[in-house]
């Protein structure tokens, strides 16, 4: 299976623009990838929430919402599956989630289990974490999925012999990334899996330098440059 890791720019509170970025990647990789993966909260932008529930619930998207329906239609149009982070609304609860869509259907929906996605000192019970960690299957291949701080707080929950996909939103400086932070992420991923694919979106406010990475046995073996909109195609056995 060919997996595309898409490190591209997203904008906070601009769902139409972010969907256009997803569709652009689908067009550019048509016939070259079976699955395209985007970073944490890519649909709305990681800093799209203000921690006022009445405002934030309008920004979130349910699984039956128009934005998710639009993405489902794109998977049928382009014949490529999608994996993207988003802020999910389920009744009166909000989550940092990641949805996998294929052939116009919802294949899997994962809810981040670690609390670092929110300002937990000021948020109330509307802002929630998931409890379930399990692999999903696409084209006969089992894949484990974790979101950002999950692998730092609960690495034992994600130990797998299968491929691990790790969408994140992390805004270290380029100097920090190159001077040890990237290697730290590679080593932490190895606590859970032999092979991990990590995707970080590019953001202008606050600045996130993005990047797509393949980690193998605790080392970086493939990557895209920081600050460049690139798609890293991985041939997953």
C-alpha atoms as a PDB file:
ATOM      1  CA  UNK A   1       0.000   0.000   0.000  1.00  0.00           C
ATOM      2  CA  UNK A   2       1.209   3.484  -0.888  1.00  0.00           C
ATOM      3  CA  UNK A   3       0.711   6.064   1.854  1.00  0.00           C
ATOM      4  CA  UNK A   4       1.121   9.799   1.277  1.00  0.00           C
ATOM      5  CA  UNK A   5       2.095  11.952   4.254  1.00  0.00           C
ATOM      6  CA  UNK A   6       0.910  15.478   3.480  1.00  0.00           C
ATOM      7  CA  UNK A   7       2.701  18.330   5.198  1.00  0.00           C
ATOM      8  CA  UNK A   8       0.953  21.441   3.935  1.00  0.00           C
ATOM      9  CA  UNK A   9      -0.388  24.705   5.245  1.00  0.00           C
ATOM     10  CA  UNK A  10      -3.661  24.890   7.107  1.00  0.00           C
ATOM     11  CA  UNK A  11      -5.465  27.945   8.446  1.00  0.00           C
ATOM     12  CA  UNK A  12      -7.213  28.203  11.797  1.00  0.00           C
ATOM     13  CA  UNK A  13     -11.006  28.542  11.551  1.00  0.00           C
ATOM     14  CA  UNK A  14     -10.923  28.195   7.755  1.00  0.00           C
ATOM     15  CA  UNK A  15     -12.470  24.840   6.933  1.00  0.00           C
ATOM     16  CA  UNK A  16     -13.063  25.645   3.209  1.00  0.00           C
ATOM     17  CA  UNK A  17      -9.373  26.486   2.719  1.00  0.00           C
ATOM     18  CA  UNK A  18      -8.226  23.380   4.568  1.00  0.00           C
ATOM     19  CA  UNK A  19     -10.535  21.171   2.517  1.00  0.00           C
ATOM     20  CA  UNK A  20      -9.141  22.804  -0.625  1.00  0.00           C
ATOM     21  CA  UNK A  21      -5.662  21.808   0.554  1.00  0.00           C
ATOM     22  CA  UNK A  22      -6.834  18.226   0.995  1.00  0.00           C
ATOM     23  CA  UNK A  23      -8.369  18.179  -2.484  1.00  0.00           C
ATOM     24  CA  UNK A  24      -5.221  19.669  -4.000  1.00  0.00           C
ATOM     25  CA  UNK A  25      -3.186  16.843  -2.490  1.00  0.00           C
ATOM     26  CA  UNK A  26      -5.676  14.310  -3.834  1.00  0.00           C
ATOM     27  CA  UNK A  27      -5.335  15.757  -7.328  1.00  0.00           C
ATOM     28  CA  UNK A  28      -1.545  15.831  -7.178  1.00  0.00           C
ATOM     29  CA  UNK A  29      -1.250  12.212  -6.028  1.00  0.00           C
ATOM     30  CA  UNK A  30      -4.075  10.641  -7.999  1.00  0.00           C
ATOM     31  CA  UNK A  31      -2.994   7.122  -8.908  1.00  0.00           C
ATOM     32  CA  UNK A  32       0.153   7.415  -6.766  1.00  0.00           C
ATOM     33  CA  UNK A  33      -1.233   6.878  -3.247  1.00  0.00           C
ATOM     34  CA  UNK A  34      -3.855   4.635  -1.686  1.00  0.00           C
ATOM     35  CA  UNK A  35      -4.103   6.724   1.506  1.00  0.00           C
ATOM     36  CA  UNK A  36      -3.321  10.380   2.201  1.00  0.00           C
ATOM     37  CA  UNK A  37      -2.631  11.433   5.808  1.00  0.00           C
ATOM     38  CA  UNK A  38      -2.856  14.904   7.360  1.00  0.00           C
ATOM     39  CA  UNK A  39      -1.910  16.297  10.774  1.00  0.00           C
ATOM     40  CA  UNK A  40      -3.808  16.729  14.015  1.00  0.00           C
ATOM     41  CA  UNK A  41      -6.913  18.961  13.821  1.00  0.00           C
ATOM     42  CA  UNK A  42      -6.074  19.758  10.189  1.00  0.00           C
ATOM     43  CA  UNK A  43      -9.702  20.273   9.170  1.00  0.00           C
ATOM     44  CA  UNK A  44     -10.235  23.290  11.435  1.00  0.00           C
ATOM     45  CA  UNK A  45      -6.645  24.108  12.425  1.00  0.00           C
ATOM     46  CA  UNK A  46      -5.175  23.165  15.795  1.00  0.00           C
ATOM     47  CA  UNK A  47      -5.599  26.677  17.260  1.00  0.00           C
ATOM     48  CA  UNK A  48      -9.174  27.109  16.083  1.00  0.00           C
ATOM     49  CA  UNK A  49     -10.724  26.819  19.560  1.00  0.00           C
ATOM     50  CA  UNK A  50     -11.103  29.574  22.182  1.00  0.00           C
ATOM     51  CA  UNK A  51     -12.213  27.330  25.098  1.00  0.00           C
ATOM     52  CA  UNK A  52     -15.686  28.832  25.256  1.00  0.00           C
ATOM     53  CA  UNK A  53     -18.002  25.936  24.557  1.00  0.00           C
ATOM     54  CA  UNK A  54     -20.771  27.914  22.854  1.00  0.00           C
ATOM     55  CA  UNK A  55     -18.241  29.263  20.354  1.00  0.00           C
ATOM     56  CA  UNK A  56     -16.190  26.094  19.989  1.00  0.00           C
ATOM     57  CA  UNK A  57     -19.114  23.757  19.377  1.00  0.00           C
ATOM     58  CA  UNK A  58     -19.931  25.749  16.234  1.00  0.00           C
ATOM     59  CA  UNK A  59     -16.392  25.199  14.936  1.00  0.00           C
ATOM     60  CA  UNK A  60     -16.408  21.443  15.598  1.00  0.00           C
ATOM     61  CA  UNK A  61     -17.710  18.900  13.072  1.00  0.00           C
ATOM     62  CA  UNK A  62     -19.738  15.772  13.681  1.00  0.00           C
ATOM     63  CA  UNK A  63     -19.342  12.612  11.644  1.00  0.00           C
ATOM     64  CA  UNK A  64     -22.551  13.459   9.759  1.00  0.00           C
ATOM     65  CA  UNK A  65     -21.571  17.125   9.202  1.00  0.00           C
ATOM     66  CA  UNK A  66     -21.189  18.777   5.809  1.00  0.00           C
ATOM     67  CA  UNK A  67     -17.361  18.993   5.977  1.00  0.00           C
ATOM     68  CA  UNK A  68     -17.006  15.265   6.707  1.00  0.00           C
ATOM     69  CA  UNK A  69     -19.590  14.451   4.022  1.00  0.00           C
ATOM     70  CA  UNK A  70     -17.553  16.557   1.583  1.00  0.00           C
ATOM     71  CA  UNK A  71     -14.408  14.599   2.413  1.00  0.00           C
ATOM     72  CA  UNK A  72     -16.256  11.306   2.045  1.00  0.00           C
ATOM     73  CA  UNK A  73     -17.323  12.361  -1.454  1.00  0.00           C
ATOM     74  CA  UNK A  74     -13.726  13.256  -2.342  1.00  0.00           C
ATOM     75  CA  UNK A  75     -12.561   9.732  -1.491  1.00  0.00           C
ATOM     76  CA  UNK A  76     -14.995   8.365  -4.048  1.00  0.00           C
ATOM     77  CA  UNK A  77     -14.142  11.008  -6.642  1.00  0.00           C
ATOM     78  CA  UNK A  78     -10.387  10.435  -6.467  1.00  0.00           C
ATOM     79  CA  UNK A  79     -10.314   6.775  -5.421  1.00  0.00           C
ATOM     80  CA  UNK A  80      -7.981   7.572  -2.520  1.00  0.00           C
ATOM     81  CA  UNK A  81      -8.593   7.074   1.194  1.00  0.00           C
ATOM     82  CA  UNK A  82      -8.097   9.962   3.630  1.00  0.00           C
ATOM     83  CA  UNK A  83      -6.890  10.180   7.216  1.00  0.00           C
ATOM     84  CA  UNK A  84      -7.184  13.575   8.856  1.00  0.00           C
ATOM     85  CA  UNK A  85      -7.313  15.102  12.291  1.00  0.00           C
ATOM     86  CA  UNK A  86     -10.311  17.269  13.186  1.00  0.00           C
ATOM     87  CA  UNK A  87     -12.175  18.729  16.135  1.00  0.00           C
ATOM     88  CA  UNK A  88     -15.147  16.419  16.574  1.00  0.00           C
ATOM     89  CA  UNK A  89     -18.540  17.253  18.034  1.00  0.00           C
ATOM     90  CA  UNK A  90     -20.618  14.363  19.353  1.00  0.00           C
ATOM     91  CA  UNK A  91     -23.817  15.632  20.977  1.00  0.00           C
ATOM     92  CA  UNK A  92     -22.513  18.094  23.608  1.00  0.00           C
ATOM     93  CA  UNK A  93     -18.944  16.722  23.732  1.00  0.00           C
ATOM     94  CA  UNK A  94     -15.845  17.873  21.841  1.00  0.00           C
ATOM     95  CA  UNK A  95     -12.798  15.737  21.025  1.00  0.00           C
ATOM     96  CA  UNK A  96      -9.531  15.966  19.155  1.00  0.00           C
ATOM     97  CA  UNK A  97     -10.187  13.123  16.744  1.00  0.00           C
ATOM     98  CA  UNK A  98      -8.857  11.542  13.589  1.00  0.00           C
ATOM     99  CA  UNK A  99     -11.133  10.060  10.953  1.00  0.00           C
ATOM    100  CA  UNK A 100     -10.276   7.536   8.246  1.00  0.00           C
ATOM    101  CA  UNK A 101     -12.468   7.725   5.146  1.00  0.00           C
ATOM    102  CA  UNK A 102     -12.494   5.331   2.185  1.00  0.00           C
ATOM    103  CA  UNK A 103     -14.834   4.770  -0.764  1.00  0.00           C
ATOM    104  CA  UNK A 104     -17.252   7.376   0.506  1.00  0.00           C
ATOM    105  CA  UNK A 105     -17.589   5.799   3.939  1.00  0.00           C
ATOM    106  CA  UNK A 106     -16.253   6.291   7.461  1.00  0.00           C
ATOM    107  CA  UNK A 107     -13.812   3.455   8.046  1.00  0.00           C
ATOM    108  CA  UNK A 108     -12.568   4.418  11.511  1.00  0.00           C
ATOM    109  CA  UNK A 109     -12.825   7.303  13.964  1.00  0.00           C
ATOM    110  CA  UNK A 110     -10.215   7.690  16.695  1.00  0.00           C
ATOM    111  CA  UNK A 111     -10.429  10.057  19.675  1.00  0.00           C
ATOM    112  CA  UNK A 112      -7.226  11.260  21.313  1.00  0.00           C
ATOM    113  CA  UNK A 113      -6.805   9.779  24.801  1.00  0.00           C
ATOM    114  CA  UNK A 114      -4.290  12.329  26.171  1.00  0.00           C
ATOM    115  CA  UNK A 115      -5.501  15.714  27.407  1.00  0.00           C
ATOM    116  CA  UNK A 116      -2.767  17.983  26.023  1.00  0.00           C
ATOM    117  CA  UNK A 117      -4.872  19.102  23.045  1.00  0.00           C
ATOM    118  CA  UNK A 118      -6.913  21.440  25.275  1.00  0.00           C
ATOM    119  CA  UNK A 119      -6.392  24.113  27.911  1.00  0.00           C
ATOM    120  CA  UNK A 120      -7.459  21.671  30.603  1.00  0.00           C
ATOM    121  CA  UNK A 121      -7.043  24.152  33.469  1.00  0.00           C
ATOM    122  CA  UNK A 122      -9.932  26.242  32.131  1.00  0.00           C
ATOM    123  CA  UNK A 123     -12.078  23.846  30.086  1.00  0.00           C
ATOM    124  CA  UNK A 124     -15.137  22.061  31.408  1.00  0.00           C
ATOM    125  CA  UNK A 125     -16.688  18.638  30.891  1.00  0.00           C
ATOM    126  CA  UNK A 126     -17.656  19.391  27.287  1.00  0.00           C
ATOM    127  CA  UNK A 127     -14.021  18.859  26.247  1.00  0.00           C
ATOM    128  CA  UNK A 128     -13.329  15.137  26.368  1.00  0.00           C
ATOM    129  CA  UNK A 129     -10.824  12.404  25.590  1.00  0.00           C
ATOM    130  CA  UNK A 130     -11.425   9.010  24.068  1.00  0.00           C
ATOM    131  CA  UNK A 131     -10.772   5.673  25.735  1.00  0.00           C
ATOM    132  CA  UNK A 132     -10.276   3.181  22.896  1.00  0.00           C
ATOM    133  CA  UNK A 133      -6.978   2.312  21.180  1.00  0.00           C
ATOM    134  CA  UNK A 134      -7.143  -0.315  18.477  1.00  0.00           C
ATOM    135  CA  UNK A 135      -5.926  -0.808  14.900  1.00  0.00           C
ATOM    136  CA  UNK A 136      -8.006  -0.263  11.807  1.00  0.00           C
ATOM    137  CA  UNK A 137      -7.645  -2.163   8.549  1.00  0.00           C
ATOM    138  CA  UNK A 138      -7.299  -0.760   5.026  1.00  0.00           C
ATOM    139  CA  UNK A 139      -6.558  -2.797   1.902  1.00  0.00           C
ATOM    140  CA  UNK A 140      -5.843  -5.794   4.116  1.00  0.00           C
ATOM    141  CA  UNK A 141      -3.226  -3.945   6.182  1.00  0.00           C
ATOM    142  CA  UNK A 142      -3.677  -3.286   9.904  1.00  0.00           C
ATOM    143  CA  UNK A 143      -2.623   0.168  11.105  1.00  0.00           C
ATOM    144  CA  UNK A 144      -2.462   1.635  14.603  1.00  0.00           C
ATOM    145  CA  UNK A 145      -3.309   5.316  15.045  1.00  0.00           C
ATOM    146  CA  UNK A 146      -2.225   7.754  17.782  1.00  0.00           C
ATOM    147  CA  UNK A 147      -2.529  11.533  18.077  1.00  0.00           C
ATOM    148  CA  UNK A 148       0.347  13.750  19.197  1.00  0.00           C
ATOM    149  CA  UNK A 149       0.717  13.573  23.008  1.00  0.00           C
ATOM    150  CA  UNK A 150      -0.763  10.066  23.139  1.00  0.00           C
ATOM    151  CA  UNK A 151       2.632   8.499  22.449  1.00  0.00           C
ATOM    152  CA  UNK A 152       4.270  10.596  25.167  1.00  0.00           C
ATOM    153  CA  UNK A 153       1.647  10.025  27.865  1.00  0.00           C
ATOM    154  CA  UNK A 154       0.518   6.458  27.127  1.00  0.00           C
ATOM    155  CA  UNK A 155       3.021   4.744  24.794  1.00  0.00           C
ATOM    156  CA  UNK A 156       2.134   1.326  26.202  1.00  0.00           C
ATOM    157  CA  UNK A 157      -1.428   1.703  24.861  1.00  0.00           C
ATOM    158  CA  UNK A 158      -0.111   1.830  21.292  1.00  0.00           C
ATOM    159  CA  UNK A 159       2.414  -0.997  21.226  1.00  0.00           C
ATOM    160  CA  UNK A 160       1.917  -2.840  17.983  1.00  0.00           C
ATOM    161  CA  UNK A 161       3.597  -5.093  15.461  1.00  0.00           C
ATOM    162  CA  UNK A 162       1.793  -3.163  12.738  1.00  0.00           C
ATOM    163  CA  UNK A 163       2.458   0.207  11.147  1.00  0.00           C
ATOM    164  CA  UNK A 164       1.757   3.201  13.405  1.00  0.00           C
ATOM    165  CA  UNK A 165       0.493   6.500  11.961  1.00  0.00           C
ATOM    166  CA  UNK A 166       1.070   9.529  14.204  1.00  0.00           C
ATOM    167  CA  UNK A 167      -0.604  12.833  13.185  1.00  0.00           C
ATOM    168  CA  UNK A 168       0.695  15.671  15.361  1.00  0.00           C
ATOM    169  CA  UNK A 169       0.625  19.416  15.720  1.00  0.00           C
ATOM    170  CA  UNK A 170       3.970  20.567  17.145  1.00  0.00           C
ATOM    171  CA  UNK A 171       5.440  24.072  16.804  1.00  0.00           C
ATOM    172  CA  UNK A 172       9.047  23.803  17.939  1.00  0.00           C
ATOM    173  CA  UNK A 173      11.550  26.134  16.306  1.00  0.00           C
ATOM    174  CA  UNK A 174      13.515  24.786  13.374  1.00  0.00           C
ATOM    175  CA  UNK A 175      16.646  24.913  15.504  1.00  0.00           C
ATOM    176  CA  UNK A 176      15.027  22.791  18.211  1.00  0.00           C
ATOM    177  CA  UNK A 177      13.803  20.268  15.655  1.00  0.00           C
ATOM    178  CA  UNK A 178      17.218  19.891  14.062  1.00  0.00           C
ATOM    179  CA  UNK A 179      19.121  19.934  17.364  1.00  0.00           C
ATOM    180  CA  UNK A 180      17.547  16.907  18.949  1.00  0.00           C
ATOM    181  CA  UNK A 181      13.765  17.203  19.095  1.00  0.00           C
ATOM    182  CA  UNK A 182      13.183  15.263  15.867  1.00  0.00           C
ATOM    183  CA  UNK A 183      15.418  12.454  17.125  1.00  0.00           C
ATOM    184  CA  UNK A 184      13.490  12.480  20.416  1.00  0.00           C
ATOM    185  CA  UNK A 185      10.249  11.925  18.507  1.00  0.00           C
ATOM    186  CA  UNK A 186      11.789   9.087  16.506  1.00  0.00           C
ATOM    187  CA  UNK A 187      12.979   7.371  19.675  1.00  0.00           C
ATOM    188  CA  UNK A 188       9.640   7.846  21.420  1.00  0.00           C
ATOM    189  CA  UNK A 189       7.799   6.342  18.459  1.00  0.00           C
ATOM    190  CA  UNK A 190       9.996   3.257  18.736  1.00  0.00           C
ATOM    191  CA  UNK A 191       8.606   2.595  22.225  1.00  0.00           C
ATOM    192  CA  UNK A 192       5.350   1.642  20.505  1.00  0.00           C
ATOM    193  CA  UNK A 193       6.204   0.451  17.000  1.00  0.00           C
ATOM    194  CA  UNK A 194       9.050  -0.545  14.727  1.00  0.00           C
ATOM    195  CA  UNK A 195       7.761   1.716  11.933  1.00  0.00           C
ATOM    196  CA  UNK A 196       5.935   5.015  12.488  1.00  0.00           C
ATOM    197  CA  UNK A 197       4.755   7.681  10.042  1.00  0.00           C
ATOM    198  CA  UNK A 198       4.451  11.174  11.556  1.00  0.00           C
ATOM    199  CA  UNK A 199       2.705  14.153   9.917  1.00  0.00           C
ATOM    200  CA  UNK A 200       2.850  17.761  11.141  1.00  0.00           C
ATOM    201  CA  UNK A 201       0.953  20.576   9.367  1.00  0.00           C
ATOM    202  CA  UNK A 202       2.448  23.932   8.414  1.00  0.00           C
ATOM    203  CA  UNK A 203       0.900  26.904  10.199  1.00  0.00           C
ATOM    204  CA  UNK A 204       1.618  30.636  10.121  1.00  0.00           C
ATOM    205  CA  UNK A 205      -0.059  31.709  13.368  1.00  0.00           C
ATOM    206  CA  UNK A 206       1.441  30.404  15.553  1.00  0.00           C
ATOM    207  CA  UNK A 207       4.330  29.241  13.407  1.00  0.00           C
ATOM    208  CA  UNK A 208       4.581  25.490  12.827  1.00  0.00           C
ATOM    209  CA  UNK A 209       7.316  24.334  10.440  1.00  0.00           C
ATOM    210  CA  UNK A 210       5.473  21.151   9.482  1.00  0.00           C
ATOM    211  CA  UNK A 211       7.198  18.103   8.084  1.00  0.00           C
ATOM    212  CA  UNK A 212       6.441  14.483   7.199  1.00  0.00           C
ATOM    213  CA  UNK A 213       8.627  11.712   8.555  1.00  0.00           C
ATOM    214  CA  UNK A 214       9.153   7.973   8.451  1.00  0.00           C
ATOM    215  CA  UNK A 215      10.733   6.558  11.600  1.00  0.00           C
ATOM    216  CA  UNK A 216      12.235   3.079  11.622  1.00  0.00           C
ATOM    217  CA  UNK A 217      13.636   1.465  14.761  1.00  0.00           C
ATOM    218  CA  UNK A 218      13.961   4.819  16.487  1.00  0.00           C
ATOM    219  CA  UNK A 219      15.696   6.666  13.641  1.00  0.00           C
ATOM    220  CA  UNK A 220      14.540   9.077  10.928  1.00  0.00           C
ATOM    221  CA  UNK A 221      14.877   7.265   7.631  1.00  0.00           C
ATOM    222  CA  UNK A 222      12.755   9.458   5.301  1.00  0.00           C
ATOM    223  CA  UNK A 223      11.494  13.020   5.654  1.00  0.00           C
ATOM    224  CA  UNK A 224      10.383  16.197   3.913  1.00  0.00           C
ATOM    225  CA  UNK A 225      12.038  19.585   4.501  1.00  0.00           C
ATOM    226  CA  UNK A 226      10.587  21.949   7.074  1.00  0.00           C
ATOM    227  CA  UNK A 227       8.456  24.853   5.787  1.00  0.00           C
ATOM    228  CA  UNK A 228       7.854  23.240   2.394  1.00  0.00           C
ATOM    229  CA  UNK A 229       4.514  21.908   1.245  1.00  0.00           C
ATOM    230  CA  UNK A 230       5.494  18.382   0.307  1.00  0.00           C
ATOM    231  CA  UNK A 231       3.966  14.917   0.142  1.00  0.00           C
ATOM    232  CA  UNK A 232       6.127  12.015   1.250  1.00  0.00           C
ATOM    233  CA  UNK A 233       5.026   8.769  -0.435  1.00  0.00           C
ATOM    234  CA  UNK A 234       5.784   5.640   1.583  1.00  0.00           C
ATOM    235  CA  UNK A 235       5.552   2.129   0.216  1.00  0.00           C
ATOM    236  CA  UNK A 236       4.152   0.221   3.201  1.00  0.00           C
ATOM    237  CA  UNK A 237       4.681  -3.510   2.899  1.00  0.00           C
END
